[in-house]
Amino acid sequence: MINRIGILTGGGDCPGLNAVIRGLVKVGIGKYGWEMVGILDGFEGLMENRTIPLTLETIKGILPRGGTLLGTTNRCDPFEVPVALPDGRVERRDDSADAVGNFRRLGLDGLVATGGDGTLAIAHRLFGLGVPVVGIPKTIDNDLDATEITFGFMTAVETVTEAVDKLHTTAESHHRVMIVEVMGRDAGWIALYAGIAGGADVILIPEIPFHLDQVLRKIRAREEAGSKFSIVVIAEGTVLGEAKTYVDRDALTGIQRLGGVGEKLACVIRDRVDLEVRTTVLGHVQRGGGPIAFDRILATRMAAETAELIVGGQWDRMVAYRNGDIVSVPILEAIGRRKVVDPGSQIIAHARALGVSFGE
């Protein structure tokens, strides 16, 4: 019998997380009479036994809010806890038993883990240790397999599109090439969608290797046709030269942080065209702000269906959006396989037909 359910949000934040929390609480309490427990700061909160009660009063007004009421982190994997040694080395320690122990001490009958590939992979491993888990997919990068779309993505696209719209006017006024660097480590979904929506002239994504000469050809062709400005949207994970561009590495987690490819490209273009070149890095503004209507609805529907999975005892599964419906798939089907842009897809063909250059 289900009486008490825990909820956590892991990985990077994104618009729609509060909508998920609200949906789960409303269905859990309102329909099934469960006690809902919020676990703070993802798996870190589970490891440290930090929780708050989630009630109908707690969730008032959170639907339009960005971020997550519960907090989140992408720095805690109970199976790979980094420990700094006196000699400067870092070793990894498996403290997953602490997470399982705290789950039991909290008296939880199930755990809802909302996150991307990393969060869901941890959830799947905890299930193997006896923790009943259901997953909800979340990432603005839209790169999680097994679901057609993740909430937060369309809001990020809206944010980037608005920025590109504004850059258009200043680019045209000053006859400049404007390069907009957006998120997308391995998948260029944000760059592709926002580039098309914002009328970008060049879109550069990790999935399509590009040649600088082709980018320059597009810029020069526009200049010769009387358009003395160009908009280039580039995903942060796009390879320029021989490798991706990183700005630093976290000493404890070992995770490399991408960034700088936009300015790197700008430096190369400046030497080859007689136009001013400027770079705008949107960074974490893409994660911020309240979710647009589409993401509020998607997150809410996923939350409602998650409750039904719990009632049916369908553990180690993840809700997913397919053909307009919310369905469930095994978590194992969703993790470890990144959904990337297909260079031969229809949307790429449509963009090319409109004159967009992918630098090929």
Protein backbone atom coordinates (compact mmCIF):
# COMPACT_ATOMS: atom_id res chain seq x y z
CA MET A 1 0.00 0.00 0.00
CA ILE A 2 1.28 3.45 -0.92
CA ASN A 3 1.25 6.06 1.85
CA ARG A 4 4.36 8.22 1.55
CA ILE A 5 6.16 9.36 -1.61
CA GLY A 6 9.43 11.27 -1.94
CA ILE A 7 10.22 13.70 -4.76
CA LEU A 8 13.60 15.04 -5.82
CA THR A 9 14.90 17.15 -8.70
CA GLY A 10 18.43 16.48 -9.94
CA GLY A 11 20.88 17.84 -12.50
CA GLY A 12 20.56 21.30 -13.97
CA ASP A 13 17.44 23.33 -13.27
CA CYS A 14 14.96 24.17 -15.99
CA PRO A 15 11.55 25.79 -16.41
CA GLY A 16 8.78 23.33 -15.55
CA LEU A 17 10.25 21.61 -12.50
CA ASN A 18 7.88 23.43 -10.16
CA ALA A 19 4.99 22.44 -12.40
CA VAL A 20 6.02 18.79 -11.92
CA ILE A 21 6.23 19.17 -8.15
CA ARG A 22 2.82 20.88 -8.09
CA GLY A 23 1.23 18.21 -10.28
CA LEU A 24 2.56 15.35 -8.18
CA VAL A 25 1.43 16.93 -4.94
CA LYS A 26 -2.03 17.78 -6.23
CA VAL A 27 -2.65 14.27 -7.57
CA GLY A 28 -0.85 12.50 -4.73
CA ILE A 29 -2.72 14.30 -1.97
CA GLY A 30 -5.94 15.23 -3.73
CA LYS A 31 -6.65 11.94 -5.48
CA TYR A 32 -4.81 9.31 -3.45
CA GLY A 33 -4.30 10.83 -0.01
CA TRP A 34 -0.54 10.23 0.04
CA GLU A 35 1.91 12.09 2.23
CA MET A 36 4.36 13.89 -0.05
CA VAL A 37 7.97 14.52 0.98
CA GLY A 38 10.30 16.89 -0.86
CA ILE A 39 13.96 15.87 -0.87
CA LEU A 40 16.20 18.92 -1.04
CA ASP A 41 19.01 19.38 -3.56
CA GLY A 42 18.63 16.13 -5.44
CA PHE A 43 20.47 13.02 -4.31
CA GLU A 44 22.62 15.16 -2.05
CA GLY A 45 19.53 15.76 0.08
CA LEU A 46 18.79 12.04 0.15
CA MET A 47 22.36 11.33 1.26
CA GLU A 48 22.12 13.96 4.00
CA ASN A 49 18.49 13.28 4.95
CA ARG A 50 17.32 16.85 4.19
CA THR A 51 13.62 17.05 3.42
CA ILE A 52 10.58 19.28 3.62
CA PRO A 53 6.89 18.35 3.76
CA LEU A 54 5.00 19.06 0.55
CA THR A 55 1.40 20.11 1.07
CA LEU A 56 -1.29 21.79 -0.97
CA GLU A 57 -0.32 25.00 0.84
CA THR A 58 3.37 24.56 -0.05
CA ILE A 59 2.72 24.45 -3.78
CA LYS A 60 0.49 27.50 -4.05
CA GLY A 61 1.69 29.85 -6.76
CA ILE A 62 4.61 27.75 -8.00
CA LEU A 63 3.18 26.77 -11.41
CA PRO A 64 4.55 29.82 -13.30
CA ARG A 65 7.82 29.96 -11.38
CA GLY A 66 11.14 28.88 -12.89
CA GLY A 67 13.75 26.83 -11.07
CA THR A 68 12.77 24.26 -8.48
CA LEU A 69 11.25 24.67 -5.05
CA LEU A 70 13.36 21.74 -3.87
CA GLY A 71 16.73 22.88 -5.14
CA THR A 72 19.00 20.74 -7.28
CA THR A 73 22.60 19.77 -7.92
CA ASN A 74 24.54 17.85 -10.53
CA ARG A 75 27.45 17.19 -8.19
CA CYS A 76 26.18 14.24 -6.15
CA ASP A 77 26.19 10.64 -7.33
CA PRO A 78 25.80 8.28 -4.34
CA PHE A 79 27.70 5.62 -6.27
CA GLU A 80 30.62 7.92 -7.13
CA VAL A 81 31.18 10.29 -4.21
CA PRO A 82 34.41 12.28 -4.80
CA VAL A 83 36.78 12.36 -1.84
CA ALA A 84 39.83 14.63 -1.87
CA LEU A 85 42.93 12.88 -0.54
CA PRO A 86 45.76 14.69 1.35
CA ASP A 87 48.11 14.20 -1.62
CA GLY A 88 45.72 16.08 -3.92
CA ARG A 89 44.32 13.04 -5.67
CA VAL A 90 40.58 12.39 -5.80
CA GLU A 91 39.11 8.95 -5.23
CA ARG A 92 35.55 7.77 -5.78
CA ARG A 93 33.61 6.12 -2.99
CA ASP A 94 30.36 4.15 -3.19
CA ASP A 95 28.06 5.57 -0.49
CA SER A 96 24.85 4.33 -2.09
CA ALA A 97 24.05 2.32 1.06
CA ASP A 98 23.57 5.66 2.86
CA ALA A 99 21.04 6.77 0.25
CA VAL A 100 19.13 3.49 0.55
CA GLY A 101 19.25 3.65 4.33
CA ASN A 102 17.88 7.19 4.41
CA PHE A 103 15.11 6.24 1.97
CA ARG A 104 14.02 3.56 4.43
CA ARG A 105 14.44 5.75 7.51
CA LEU A 106 12.17 8.33 5.88
CA GLY A 107 9.50 5.65 5.59
CA LEU A 108 9.03 6.25 1.88
CA ASP A 109 7.07 3.84 -0.28
CA GLY A 110 8.44 5.24 -3.52
CA LEU A 111 10.77 7.85 -4.98
CA VAL A 112 10.13 10.14 -7.96
CA ALA A 113 13.39 11.28 -9.56
CA THR A 114 13.09 14.18 -12.01
CA GLY A 115 16.15 14.84 -14.12
CA GLY A 116 18.21 14.07 -17.17
CA ASP A 117 20.40 11.17 -18.17
CA GLY A 118 22.62 11.31 -15.07
CA THR A 119 19.78 11.57 -12.56
CA LEU A 120 17.82 8.76 -14.19
CA ALA A 121 20.91 6.53 -14.36
CA ILE A 122 21.37 6.93 -10.61
CA ALA A 123 17.66 6.24 -10.04
CA HIS A 124 17.93 3.02 -12.07
CA ARG A 125 20.91 1.85 -10.00
CA LEU A 126 19.06 2.61 -6.76
CA PHE A 127 16.18 0.50 -8.00
CA GLY A 128 18.65 -2.34 -8.27
CA LEU A 129 19.31 -1.89 -4.54
CA GLY A 130 15.63 -2.14 -3.67
CA VAL A 131 14.43 1.46 -3.95
CA PRO A 132 11.11 1.72 -5.85
CA VAL A 133 11.72 4.52 -8.34
CA VAL A 134 9.82 6.29 -11.11
CA GLY A 135 11.57 8.79 -13.41
CA ILE A 136 10.45 12.02 -15.07
CA PRO A 137 12.65 13.28 -17.93
CA LYS A 138 13.92 16.84 -17.78
CA THR A 139 16.52 18.73 -19.82
CA ILE A 140 16.51 21.96 -21.79
CA ASP A 141 18.86 20.25 -24.26
CA ASN A 142 16.06 17.88 -25.37
CA ASP A 143 18.68 15.16 -25.78
CA LEU A 144 17.14 12.42 -23.63
CA ASP A 145 16.23 9.33 -25.61
CA ALA A 146 12.84 7.56 -25.45
CA THR A 147 10.79 10.78 -25.31
CA GLU A 148 10.02 13.07 -28.23
CA ILE A 149 10.43 16.19 -26.14
CA THR A 150 11.34 17.18 -22.60
CA PHE A 151 9.80 20.06 -20.69
CA GLY A 152 12.03 23.11 -20.39
CA PHE A 153 13.26 22.79 -23.96
CA MET A 154 10.61 24.94 -25.61
CA THR A 155 10.99 27.64 -22.95
CA ALA A 156 14.76 27.70 -23.58
CA VAL A 157 14.07 27.97 -27.32
CA GLU A 158 11.73 30.90 -26.64
CA THR A 159 14.40 32.63 -24.55
CA VAL A 160 17.07 32.21 -27.23
CA THR A 161 14.69 33.28 -30.00
CA GLU A 162 13.88 36.49 -28.15
CA ALA A 163 17.60 37.21 -27.80
CA VAL A 164 18.24 36.54 -31.50
CA ASP A 165 15.36 38.85 -32.42
CA LYS A 166 16.96 41.66 -30.42
CA LEU A 167 20.41 41.01 -31.84
CA HIS A 168 19.01 41.28 -35.36
CA THR A 169 18.21 44.96 -34.96
CA THR A 170 21.60 45.94 -33.53
CA ALA A 171 23.44 43.75 -36.04
CA GLU A 172 21.66 45.44 -38.93
CA SER A 173 22.19 48.92 -37.50
CA HIS A 174 25.95 48.50 -37.05
CA HIS A 175 26.60 46.16 -40.01
CA ARG A 176 27.95 43.43 -37.77
CA VAL A 177 28.21 39.68 -37.70
CA MET A 178 26.52 38.58 -34.47
CA ILE A 179 27.47 35.18 -33.08
CA VAL A 180 25.13 33.73 -30.46
CA GLU A 181 26.52 30.86 -28.40
CA VAL A 182 23.84 28.66 -26.84
CA MET A 183 23.76 25.51 -24.73
CA GLY A 184 24.08 22.09 -26.32
CA ARG A 185 26.97 19.85 -25.28
CA ASP A 186 26.35 17.00 -27.70
CA ALA A 187 23.03 17.90 -29.30
CA GLY A 188 22.12 21.03 -31.20
CA TRP A 189 18.37 21.12 -30.65
CA ILE A 190 18.29 24.58 -29.02
CA ALA A 191 20.53 26.11 -31.68
CA LEU A 192 18.52 24.50 -34.47
CA TYR A 193 15.05 25.45 -33.26
CA ALA A 194 15.93 28.95 -32.05
CA GLY A 195 18.06 29.58 -35.12
CA ILE A 196 15.15 28.80 -37.41
CA ALA A 197 12.67 30.72 -35.26
CA GLY A 198 14.97 33.73 -35.05
CA GLY A 199 15.87 33.78 -38.74
CA ALA A 200 19.56 32.98 -38.28
CA ASP A 201 21.69 32.90 -41.41
CA VAL A 202 24.10 30.26 -40.13
CA ILE A 203 23.39 27.50 -37.60
CA LEU A 204 26.30 25.43 -36.32
CA ILE A 205 25.61 22.28 -34.28
CA PRO A 206 27.69 19.35 -32.99
CA GLU A 207 25.97 16.87 -35.31
CA ILE A 208 27.05 18.55 -38.55
CA PRO A 209 30.79 19.14 -39.04
CA PHE A 210 31.28 22.54 -40.64
CA HIS A 211 33.90 24.22 -42.81
CA LEU A 212 34.87 27.79 -42.06
CA ASP A 213 35.07 28.63 -45.75
CA GLN A 214 31.38 27.78 -46.14
CA VAL A 215 30.42 30.03 -43.22
CA LEU A 216 32.47 32.86 -44.73
CA ARG A 217 30.88 32.24 -48.13
CA LYS A 218 27.42 32.72 -46.62
CA ILE A 219 28.43 35.94 -44.86
CA ARG A 220 30.06 37.36 -47.98
CA ALA A 221 27.10 36.38 -50.17
CA ARG A 222 24.76 38.28 -47.87
CA GLU A 223 27.06 41.31 -47.92
CA GLU A 224 27.22 41.27 -51.72
CA ALA A 225 23.41 41.04 -51.85
CA GLY A 226 23.14 44.19 -49.72
CA SER A 227 22.68 42.64 -46.26
CA LYS A 228 25.74 43.89 -44.43
CA PHE A 229 25.06 41.84 -41.32
CA SER A 230 24.66 38.17 -40.43
CA ILE A 231 23.38 36.14 -37.48
CA VAL A 232 25.24 32.98 -36.53
CA VAL A 233 23.82 30.66 -33.86
CA ILE A 234 26.31 28.09 -32.56
CA ALA A 235 25.85 25.34 -29.96
CA GLU A 236 28.53 25.30 -27.26
CA GLY A 237 29.51 21.71 -28.13
CA THR A 238 30.21 22.42 -31.79
CA VAL A 239 33.71 21.37 -32.83
CA LEU A 240 35.88 24.19 -34.16
CA GLY A 241 39.21 22.92 -35.35
CA GLU A 242 39.98 19.52 -33.86
CA ALA A 243 38.06 19.53 -30.57
CA LYS A 244 35.30 21.08 -28.53
CA THR A 245 36.10 24.21 -26.54
CA TYR A 246 36.30 23.91 -22.75
CA VAL A 247 36.83 26.67 -20.21
CA ASP A 248 37.62 24.65 -17.09
CA ARG A 249 37.34 21.33 -15.25
CA ASP A 250 35.79 20.72 -11.83
CA ALA A 251 38.56 19.33 -9.61
CA LEU A 252 36.28 17.00 -7.63
CA THR A 253 33.79 15.79 -10.23
CA GLY A 254 36.16 15.86 -13.19
CA ILE A 255 33.39 17.38 -15.34
CA GLN A 256 34.62 19.75 -18.04
CA ARG A 257 32.62 22.92 -18.61
CA LEU A 258 32.07 23.90 -22.22
CA GLY A 259 32.25 27.46 -23.40
CA GLY A 260 34.09 29.89 -25.62
CA VAL A 261 33.46 28.40 -29.05
CA GLY A 262 31.50 31.51 -30.09
CA GLU A 263 34.37 33.89 -29.39
CA LYS A 264 36.84 31.42 -30.89
CA LEU A 265 34.82 31.47 -34.10
CA ALA A 266 34.57 35.27 -33.96
CA CYS A 267 38.36 35.61 -33.79
CA VAL A 268 38.73 33.52 -36.94
CA ILE A 269 36.00 35.37 -38.85
CA ARG A 270 37.41 38.82 -37.93
CA ASP A 271 40.55 38.07 -39.88
CA ARG A 272 38.63 37.10 -43.00
CA VAL A 273 35.79 39.60 -43.47
CA ASP A 274 35.56 43.37 -43.50
CA LEU A 275 32.79 43.48 -40.92
CA GLU A 276 32.72 43.89 -37.16
CA VAL A 277 32.09 40.63 -35.33
CA ARG A 278 30.53 40.38 -31.86
CA THR A 279 29.74 37.40 -29.66
CA THR A 280 26.88 36.95 -27.20
CA VAL A 281 26.98 33.99 -24.82
CA LEU A 282 23.50 33.42 -23.40
CA GLY A 283 24.65 30.90 -20.79
CA HIS A 284 22.38 30.19 -17.86
CA VAL A 285 19.76 32.72 -18.89
CA GLN A 286 18.50 29.81 -21.03
CA ARG A 287 17.65 27.87 -17.86
CA GLY A 288 15.93 30.74 -16.10
CA GLY A 289 12.47 32.24 -16.05
CA GLY A 290 9.03 30.75 -15.87
CA PRO A 291 7.93 27.97 -18.24
CA ILE A 292 5.85 28.81 -21.28
CA ALA A 293 2.38 27.27 -21.56
CA PHE A 294 3.58 24.22 -23.52
CA ASP A 295 6.11 23.26 -20.86
CA ARG A 296 3.64 23.86 -18.01
CA ILE A 297 1.16 21.52 -19.64
CA LEU A 298 3.76 18.87 -20.50
CA ALA A 299 5.25 18.89 -17.00
CA THR A 300 1.83 18.74 -15.37
CA ARG A 301 0.69 15.82 -17.54
CA MET A 302 3.91 13.93 -16.85
CA ALA A 303 3.39 14.43 -13.12
CA ALA A 304 -0.20 13.14 -13.28
CA GLU A 305 0.84 10.05 -15.25
CA THR A 306 3.72 9.41 -12.84
CA ALA A 307 1.19 9.06 -10.03
CA GLU A 308 -0.63 6.43 -12.05
CA LEU A 309 2.61 4.48 -12.52
CA ILE A 310 3.11 4.52 -8.77
CA VAL A 311 -0.41 3.24 -8.16
CA GLY A 312 0.18 0.45 -10.66
CA GLY A 313 3.51 -0.50 -9.10
CA GLN A 314 5.33 0.21 -12.37
CA TRP A 315 8.73 0.95 -10.86
CA ASP A 316 11.98 1.58 -12.70
CA ARG A 317 10.04 3.24 -15.49
CA MET A 318 10.03 6.76 -16.90
CA VAL A 319 7.16 8.77 -18.31
CA ALA A 320 7.64 9.92 -21.89
CA TYR A 321 5.88 12.05 -24.50
CA ARG A 322 5.01 10.16 -27.69
CA ASN A 323 2.53 11.05 -30.40
CA GLY A 324 0.68 13.47 -28.14
CA ASP A 325 0.29 11.01 -25.26
CA ILE A 326 2.17 10.48 -22.01
CA VAL A 327 3.34 6.86 -21.89
CA SER A 328 5.92 4.97 -19.86
CA VAL A 329 9.14 3.27 -20.86
CA PRO A 330 11.82 1.40 -18.89
CA ILE A 331 14.37 3.86 -17.50
CA LEU A 332 17.07 1.67 -19.01
CA GLU A 333 15.62 2.45 -22.44
CA ALA A 334 16.12 6.17 -21.90
CA ILE A 335 19.60 6.39 -20.37
CA GLY A 336 22.93 6.03 -22.05
CA ARG A 337 21.61 6.87 -25.52
CA ARG A 338 21.66 10.54 -26.32
CA LYS A 339 19.07 11.87 -28.75
CA VAL A 340 20.84 14.04 -31.30
CA VAL A 341 19.80 15.94 -34.40
CA ASP A 342 19.72 13.78 -37.51
CA PRO A 343 21.56 15.67 -40.30
CA GLY A 344 19.25 13.97 -42.78
CA SER A 345 16.05 14.92 -40.99
CA GLN A 346 13.19 16.88 -42.52
CA ILE A 347 13.71 19.92 -40.30
CA ILE A 348 17.32 20.24 -41.48
CA ALA A 349 16.13 19.96 -45.09
CA HIS A 350 13.53 22.66 -44.50
CA ALA A 351 16.14 24.98 -42.98
CA ARG A 352 18.45 24.45 -45.94
CA ALA A 353 15.56 25.20 -48.31
CA LEU A 354 15.14 28.53 -46.53
CA GLY A 355 18.78 29.36 -47.20
CA VAL A 356 20.20 28.56 -43.77
CA SER A 357 23.84 27.50 -43.90
CA PHE A 358 25.10 24.71 -41.67
CA GLY A 359 28.66 25.37 -42.81
CA GLU A 360 28.88 22.23 -44.92
